[in-house]
Amino acid sequence: MEHGTSWRELLGKLISNPQEKQRIAHELQVNPITLTRWANNEATPRLQKLRALLNALPEYRSILLPLLEEEFGENFDEIAFREEAEDGIPSAFYGRVLQAYEYLPPAVRSWSMFDLILQQALKQLDPERVGMEITIARCVYNIKKRSVRCVREIVGCGTPPWNRVMEQRLLLLGAESLAGFVVTSGHSVAIQDYRDAQNPYPARWLENERSAAGHPILRGGEVAGCLLISCAQIDYFTPARRALIQHYADLLALAFEPEEFYKRDAIQLYIMPSVERQKKTLASFRQRVSTLLIQASKDKIPLDVVQAEQLVWQQMEEELLDPDDSGA
């Protein structure tokens, strides 16, 4: 198909197919006649609808974007996002997070705050439900080595094609990952296109993941982990979205205890084994935690679930990184 010299001309050619016209109208939640009026330059859509049009036509995004910029200015997509984002995180939501921090008991505070913050971030970063997953990765401190040799995904949620429900994760990441780079460098990173051969950052691309971003979770110059975002579209992480990600990462710092933050010189990440290799070891995580708690009870050793999980994570990290020493 010849693409035309304007976005309106391109739209006109696309909606000449009745089925495609109906599909686009349905995704944009407009009357099909409205599309015809846009194509004929009889009406101009709001910026929010133009963003929705880009999302409805991902295969034409690289063509549509410059054509739209010709009419609406170079930063039209950024402006539309700012209209939705309302200059950052809503002030009322800050109040909800601070209330949770103040009143929730320590045993449930972190998980509850993770849930609260991730759900709001997902709603604000992916209002059009283009496909996004948001994950928190936490540093794993090895007491014997006195260093952080890997980080672990602890919780995540998303919009289709990813799992919508907040769920715990069992995966260790190291220097080979985007999370590892973000934690080590202490800087935010965005990879706009998974096909970019010139991309300087490490990444393990998952199914449906087309772009990715991460921001460290910091307090006083020390790091606890990072906030990771995967998107099903390329070129999604505009400066406004990256600024919003930073705000949410800063807010997540409240959900971590002071002792969960580590100095930069303690971050010494290794390259972690493949996901397939890890699965064999991590599959026994729950059973090993239960066994440890039962044995501690028999021996009358005080040990809670969080402490038991930390011990098992350290054991598993050692089995994956030091198999000769662990006997695995």
Protein backbone atom coordinates (compact mmCIF):
# COMPACT_ATOMS: atom_id res chain seq x y z
CA MET A 1 0.00 0.00 0.00
CA GLU A 2 1.21 3.52 -0.80
CA HIS A 3 1.12 5.45 2.44
CA GLY A 4 0.22 8.92 1.22
CA THR A 5 1.62 12.31 2.13
CA SER A 6 -0.48 13.00 5.25
CA TRP A 7 -1.89 11.00 8.15
CA ARG A 8 -5.41 11.82 6.91
CA GLU A 9 -4.66 10.38 3.47
CA LEU A 10 -3.20 7.24 5.04
CA LEU A 11 -6.24 6.87 7.30
CA GLY A 12 -8.53 7.28 4.29
CA LYS A 13 -6.81 4.40 2.49
CA LEU A 14 -6.96 2.17 5.57
CA ILE A 15 -10.66 2.72 6.24
CA SER A 16 -11.56 2.05 2.62
CA ASN A 17 -11.70 -1.53 3.90
CA PRO A 18 -15.06 -1.69 5.76
CA GLN A 19 -13.87 -4.32 8.23
CA GLU A 20 -10.74 -2.35 9.09
CA LYS A 21 -12.80 0.82 9.43
CA GLN A 22 -15.12 -0.90 11.89
CA ARG A 23 -12.20 -2.32 13.86
CA ILE A 24 -10.44 1.04 14.19
CA ALA A 25 -13.67 2.78 15.17
CA HIS A 26 -14.32 0.14 17.82
CA GLU A 27 -10.83 0.47 19.31
CA LEU A 28 -11.03 4.25 19.36
CA GLN A 29 -14.63 4.16 20.63
CA VAL A 30 -15.84 6.56 17.92
CA ASN A 31 -18.48 6.39 15.21
CA PRO A 32 -17.14 5.09 11.86
CA ILE A 33 -18.41 8.31 10.29
CA THR A 34 -16.01 10.21 12.54
CA LEU A 35 -13.09 8.41 10.91
CA THR A 36 -14.34 9.48 7.50
CA ARG A 37 -14.59 13.11 8.66
CA TRP A 38 -11.01 12.97 9.97
CA ALA A 39 -9.76 11.50 6.71
CA ASN A 40 -11.58 14.20 4.69
CA ASN A 41 -10.22 16.99 6.91
CA GLU A 42 -13.74 17.84 8.04
CA ALA A 43 -12.89 17.40 11.74
CA THR A 44 -9.79 17.19 13.93
CA PRO A 45 -9.49 14.57 16.65
CA ARG A 46 -8.39 15.29 20.19
CA LEU A 47 -4.79 14.40 20.97
CA GLN A 48 -5.95 11.53 23.16
CA LYS A 49 -7.73 9.95 20.17
CA LEU A 50 -4.63 10.38 18.03
CA ARG A 51 -2.66 8.39 20.58
CA ALA A 52 -5.37 5.75 20.48
CA LEU A 53 -5.08 5.73 16.69
CA LEU A 54 -1.35 5.02 16.97
CA ASN A 55 -2.09 2.18 19.38
CA ALA A 56 -4.71 0.74 17.03
CA LEU A 57 -2.25 0.71 14.12
CA PRO A 58 1.07 -0.49 15.59
CA GLU A 59 2.37 -1.68 12.20
CA TYR A 60 2.00 1.88 10.84
CA ARG A 61 3.38 3.67 13.92
CA SER A 62 6.75 4.52 12.35
CA ILE A 63 4.92 6.04 9.36
CA LEU A 64 2.09 7.72 11.26
CA LEU A 65 4.20 9.39 13.91
CA PRO A 66 6.14 11.78 11.61
CA LEU A 67 2.96 12.50 9.61
CA LEU A 68 1.09 13.43 12.80
CA GLU A 69 4.00 15.55 13.96
CA GLU A 70 3.81 17.54 10.71
CA GLU A 71 0.30 18.69 11.61
CA PHE A 72 0.36 18.76 15.40
CA GLY A 73 3.98 19.52 16.25
CA GLU A 74 6.91 17.34 17.21
CA ASN A 75 5.76 16.81 20.78
CA PHE A 76 2.09 16.02 20.16
CA ASP A 77 2.35 12.50 21.66
CA GLU A 78 4.11 13.89 24.70
CA ILE A 79 1.45 16.58 25.12
CA ALA A 80 -1.33 14.00 24.91
CA PHE A 81 0.33 11.90 27.56
CA ARG A 82 0.80 14.89 29.84
CA GLU A 83 -2.93 15.63 29.54
CA GLU A 84 -3.68 12.13 30.81
CA ALA A 85 -0.92 12.08 33.42
CA GLU A 86 -1.99 15.43 34.91
CA ASP A 87 1.54 16.55 35.75
CA GLY A 88 2.52 13.36 37.56
CA ILE A 89 1.10 11.16 40.29
CA PRO A 90 -2.21 12.54 41.67
CA SER A 91 -1.74 14.21 45.06
CA ALA A 92 -4.62 12.19 46.51
CA PHE A 93 -2.72 9.00 45.73
CA TYR A 94 0.31 10.21 47.66
CA GLY A 95 -2.04 10.55 50.61
CA ARG A 96 -3.22 6.95 50.24
CA VAL A 97 0.35 5.65 50.16
CA LEU A 98 1.39 7.66 53.22
CA GLN A 99 -1.68 6.46 55.08
CA ALA A 100 -0.82 2.84 54.25
CA TYR A 101 2.76 3.41 55.40
CA GLU A 102 1.60 4.88 58.69
CA TYR A 103 -1.20 2.51 59.66
CA LEU A 104 -0.48 -0.93 58.16
CA PRO A 105 1.30 -3.44 60.44
CA PRO A 106 4.86 -4.31 59.39
CA ALA A 107 3.93 -7.90 58.49
CA VAL A 108 1.72 -6.81 55.59
CA ARG A 109 2.91 -3.27 54.90
CA SER A 110 5.42 -3.94 52.11
CA TRP A 111 3.20 -6.28 50.09
CA SER A 112 0.15 -4.01 50.48
CA MET A 113 2.11 -0.96 49.38
CA PHE A 114 3.57 -2.85 46.41
CA ASP A 115 0.06 -3.76 45.31
CA LEU A 116 -1.30 -0.25 45.81
CA ILE A 117 1.55 1.48 43.95
CA LEU A 118 1.89 -0.98 41.05
CA GLN A 119 -1.83 -0.95 40.28
CA GLN A 120 -1.89 2.86 40.17
CA ALA A 121 1.30 2.98 38.07
CA LEU A 122 -0.15 0.49 35.60
CA LYS A 123 -3.38 2.49 35.33
CA GLN A 124 -1.52 5.72 34.66
CA LEU A 125 1.26 4.40 32.42
CA ASP A 126 -1.00 2.22 30.26
CA PRO A 127 -4.40 3.95 30.13
CA GLU A 128 -5.06 2.62 26.61
CA ARG A 129 -4.12 -0.93 27.66
CA VAL A 130 -1.59 -1.35 24.87
CA GLY A 131 0.07 -4.17 26.83
CA MET A 132 2.37 -3.58 29.80
CA GLU A 133 3.94 -5.42 32.71
CA ILE A 134 5.34 -3.71 35.80
CA THR A 135 7.70 -5.62 38.08
CA ILE A 136 9.69 -4.92 41.23
CA ALA A 137 13.15 -6.47 41.56
CA ARG A 138 14.85 -6.56 44.97
CA CYS A 139 18.54 -6.94 45.84
CA VAL A 140 19.56 -10.34 47.28
CA TYR A 141 22.23 -9.82 49.92
CA ASN A 142 24.61 -12.70 50.57
CA ILE A 143 25.76 -12.52 54.19
CA LYS A 144 28.73 -14.86 53.62
CA LYS A 145 30.02 -12.88 50.62
CA ARG A 146 28.98 -9.54 52.12
CA SER A 147 27.69 -8.42 48.75
CA VAL A 148 24.67 -8.33 46.44
CA ARG A 149 25.40 -10.82 43.67
CA CYS A 150 21.95 -10.82 42.06
CA VAL A 151 18.50 -9.28 42.25
CA ARG A 152 15.21 -11.13 42.28
CA GLU A 153 11.84 -10.35 40.82
CA ILE A 154 9.43 -10.32 43.75
CA VAL A 155 6.09 -9.12 42.42
CA GLY A 156 4.45 -7.92 39.22
CA CYS A 157 1.19 -7.25 37.39
CA GLY A 158 0.16 -6.16 33.92
CA THR A 159 -2.37 -5.65 31.19
CA PRO A 160 -2.94 -8.28 28.46
CA PRO A 161 -1.02 -10.10 27.10
CA TRP A 162 0.54 -10.19 30.58
CA ASN A 163 -1.10 -11.41 33.76
CA ARG A 164 -3.45 -8.82 35.23
CA VAL A 165 -3.33 -10.21 38.76
CA MET A 166 -0.70 -9.18 41.27
CA GLU A 167 1.55 -12.20 41.68
CA GLN A 168 4.78 -13.20 43.38
CA ARG A 169 7.76 -14.07 41.20
CA LEU A 170 10.54 -16.62 41.45
CA LEU A 171 13.40 -15.45 39.24
CA LEU A 172 16.95 -14.28 39.88
CA LEU A 173 18.54 -11.66 37.62
CA GLY A 174 22.15 -10.57 37.33
CA ALA A 175 24.57 -8.56 35.24
CA GLU A 176 23.03 -9.98 32.06
CA SER A 177 19.72 -8.21 32.70
CA LEU A 178 18.32 -4.70 32.42
CA ALA A 179 17.48 -4.86 36.13
CA GLY A 180 21.10 -5.69 36.90
CA PHE A 181 22.38 -2.75 34.89
CA VAL A 182 19.94 -0.33 36.54
CA VAL A 183 20.83 -1.51 40.06
CA THR A 184 24.58 -1.44 39.38
CA SER A 185 24.64 1.95 37.65
CA GLY A 186 22.00 3.61 39.82
CA HIS A 187 20.53 5.24 36.70
CA SER A 188 17.28 4.91 34.78
CA VAL A 189 17.36 3.19 31.39
CA ALA A 190 14.94 2.85 28.48
CA ILE A 191 15.31 0.50 25.51
CA GLN A 192 12.87 1.72 22.88
CA ASP A 193 13.08 -1.16 20.40
CA TYR A 194 14.01 -4.79 21.07
CA ARG A 195 15.35 -5.04 17.49
CA ASP A 196 17.92 -2.28 17.97
CA ALA A 197 21.28 -3.89 17.29
CA GLN A 198 23.05 -0.75 18.61
CA ASN A 199 21.41 -0.96 22.02
CA PRO A 200 24.24 -0.77 24.62
CA TYR A 201 22.25 -2.19 27.54
CA PRO A 202 21.91 -5.86 28.55
CA ALA A 203 18.46 -7.42 28.29
CA ARG A 204 16.73 -10.78 28.17
CA TRP A 205 13.70 -10.17 25.97
CA LEU A 206 10.55 -12.08 26.82
CA GLU A 207 7.64 -13.02 24.59
CA ASN A 208 5.50 -9.98 23.65
CA GLU A 209 8.13 -7.54 25.04
CA ARG A 210 9.02 -4.86 22.49
CA SER A 211 10.43 -2.07 24.68
CA ALA A 212 11.53 -1.85 28.29
CA ALA A 213 12.51 0.63 30.98
CA GLY A 214 13.84 0.54 34.50
CA HIS A 215 14.55 2.92 37.37
CA PRO A 216 16.49 2.23 40.60
CA ILE A 217 14.76 2.31 43.98
CA LEU A 218 17.03 4.57 46.01
CA ARG A 219 17.30 6.09 49.45
CA GLY A 220 20.22 8.25 50.55
CA GLY A 221 22.37 7.07 47.67
CA GLU A 222 21.81 3.38 48.55
CA VAL A 223 19.83 0.97 46.39
CA ALA A 224 17.19 -1.63 47.29
CA GLY A 225 16.32 -2.78 43.78
CA CYS A 226 14.53 -1.37 40.76
CA LEU A 227 11.19 -0.85 39.06
CA LEU A 228 10.95 -2.59 35.68
CA ILE A 229 8.43 -1.91 32.91
CA SER A 230 7.91 -4.01 29.79
CA CYS A 231 5.70 -2.82 26.94
CA ALA A 232 4.22 -4.58 23.92
CA GLN A 233 4.91 -1.52 21.75
CA ILE A 234 8.15 0.00 20.53
CA ASP A 235 9.08 3.63 21.23
CA TYR A 236 6.70 3.83 24.20
CA PHE A 237 8.92 5.42 26.83
CA THR A 238 8.69 9.14 26.13
CA PRO A 239 10.41 11.58 28.53
CA ALA A 240 7.08 12.18 30.30
CA ARG A 241 6.55 8.46 30.87
CA ARG A 242 10.11 8.02 32.09
CA ALA A 243 9.64 10.88 34.55
CA LEU A 244 6.48 9.21 35.82
CA ILE A 245 8.32 5.91 36.24
CA GLN A 246 10.91 7.72 38.34
CA HIS A 247 8.18 9.17 40.57
CA TYR A 248 6.72 5.71 41.18
CA ALA A 249 10.17 4.24 41.90
CA ASP A 250 10.73 7.01 44.45
CA LEU A 251 7.37 6.23 46.03
CA LEU A 252 8.19 2.51 46.20
CA ALA A 253 11.22 3.33 48.36
CA LEU A 254 8.77 3.81 51.24
CA ALA A 255 7.77 0.14 51.02
CA PHE A 256 11.31 -1.08 51.77
CA GLU A 257 12.87 -1.27 55.22
CA PRO A 258 16.07 0.74 55.87
CA GLU A 259 18.19 -2.44 56.10
CA GLU A 260 17.07 -3.46 52.59
CA PHE A 261 19.11 -0.64 51.01
CA TYR A 262 22.76 -1.34 50.14
CA LYS A 263 25.77 0.81 49.42
CA ARG A 264 26.97 0.93 45.84
CA ASP A 265 30.25 -0.83 46.64
CA ALA A 266 28.27 -3.84 47.90
CA ILE A 267 26.66 -4.34 44.49
CA GLN A 268 28.75 -6.97 42.70
CA LEU A 269 26.38 -8.68 40.30
CA TYR A 270 27.18 -11.96 38.57
CA ILE A 271 25.76 -13.37 35.35
CA MET A 272 22.88 -15.63 36.35
CA PRO A 273 22.06 -18.97 34.71
CA SER A 274 19.25 -19.24 32.17
CA VAL A 275 15.59 -19.25 33.23
CA GLU A 276 15.38 -22.97 32.39
CA ARG A 277 18.32 -23.77 34.64
CA GLN A 278 16.91 -21.65 37.46
CA LYS A 279 13.51 -23.33 37.32
CA LYS A 280 14.99 -26.65 38.41
CA THR A 281 16.40 -25.05 41.55
CA LEU A 282 13.65 -22.55 42.31
CA ALA A 283 10.83 -25.09 41.99
CA SER A 284 11.59 -26.31 45.51
CA PHE A 285 11.50 -22.84 47.08
CA ARG A 286 8.20 -23.17 48.97
CA GLN A 287 8.97 -26.67 50.19
CA ARG A 288 12.37 -25.61 51.45
CA VAL A 289 10.94 -22.64 53.32
CA SER A 290 8.37 -24.91 55.00
CA THR A 291 11.03 -27.47 55.92
CA LEU A 292 13.24 -24.75 57.40
CA LEU A 293 10.40 -23.35 59.51
CA ILE A 294 9.42 -26.81 60.78
CA GLN A 295 13.00 -27.64 61.72
CA ALA A 296 13.45 -24.28 63.45
CA SER A 297 10.29 -24.94 65.47
CA LYS A 298 11.55 -28.38 66.51
CA ASP A 299 14.90 -26.90 67.54
CA LYS A 300 13.12 -24.02 69.31
CA ILE A 301 14.97 -21.48 67.17
CA PRO A 302 13.04 -18.22 66.59
CA LEU A 303 12.50 -17.86 62.84
CA ASP A 304 9.67 -16.14 60.97
CA VAL A 305 8.61 -16.63 57.35
CA VAL A 306 10.50 -13.59 56.04
CA GLN A 307 13.73 -14.72 57.68
CA ALA A 308 13.26 -18.28 56.38
CA GLU A 309 12.68 -17.01 52.84
CA GLN A 310 15.83 -14.88 52.99
CA LEU A 311 17.89 -17.89 54.09
CA VAL A 312 16.47 -20.07 51.31
CA TRP A 313 17.09 -17.37 48.68
CA GLN A 314 20.70 -17.16 49.79
CA GLN A 315 21.05 -20.95 49.60
CA MET A 316 19.56 -21.03 46.11
CA GLU A 317 21.73 -18.17 44.92
CA GLU A 318 24.80 -20.07 46.11
CA GLU A 319 23.66 -23.28 44.41
CA LEU A 320 23.25 -21.43 41.12
CA LEU A 321 26.45 -19.39 41.32
CA ASP A 322 28.72 -21.68 43.36
CA PRO A 323 27.56 -25.22 42.57
CA ASP A 324 30.90 -26.75 43.59
CA ASP A 325 30.78 -25.12 47.02
CA SER A 326 27.07 -25.89 47.61
CA GLY A 327 27.28 -29.51 46.54
CA ALA A 328 24.52 -29.01 43.96
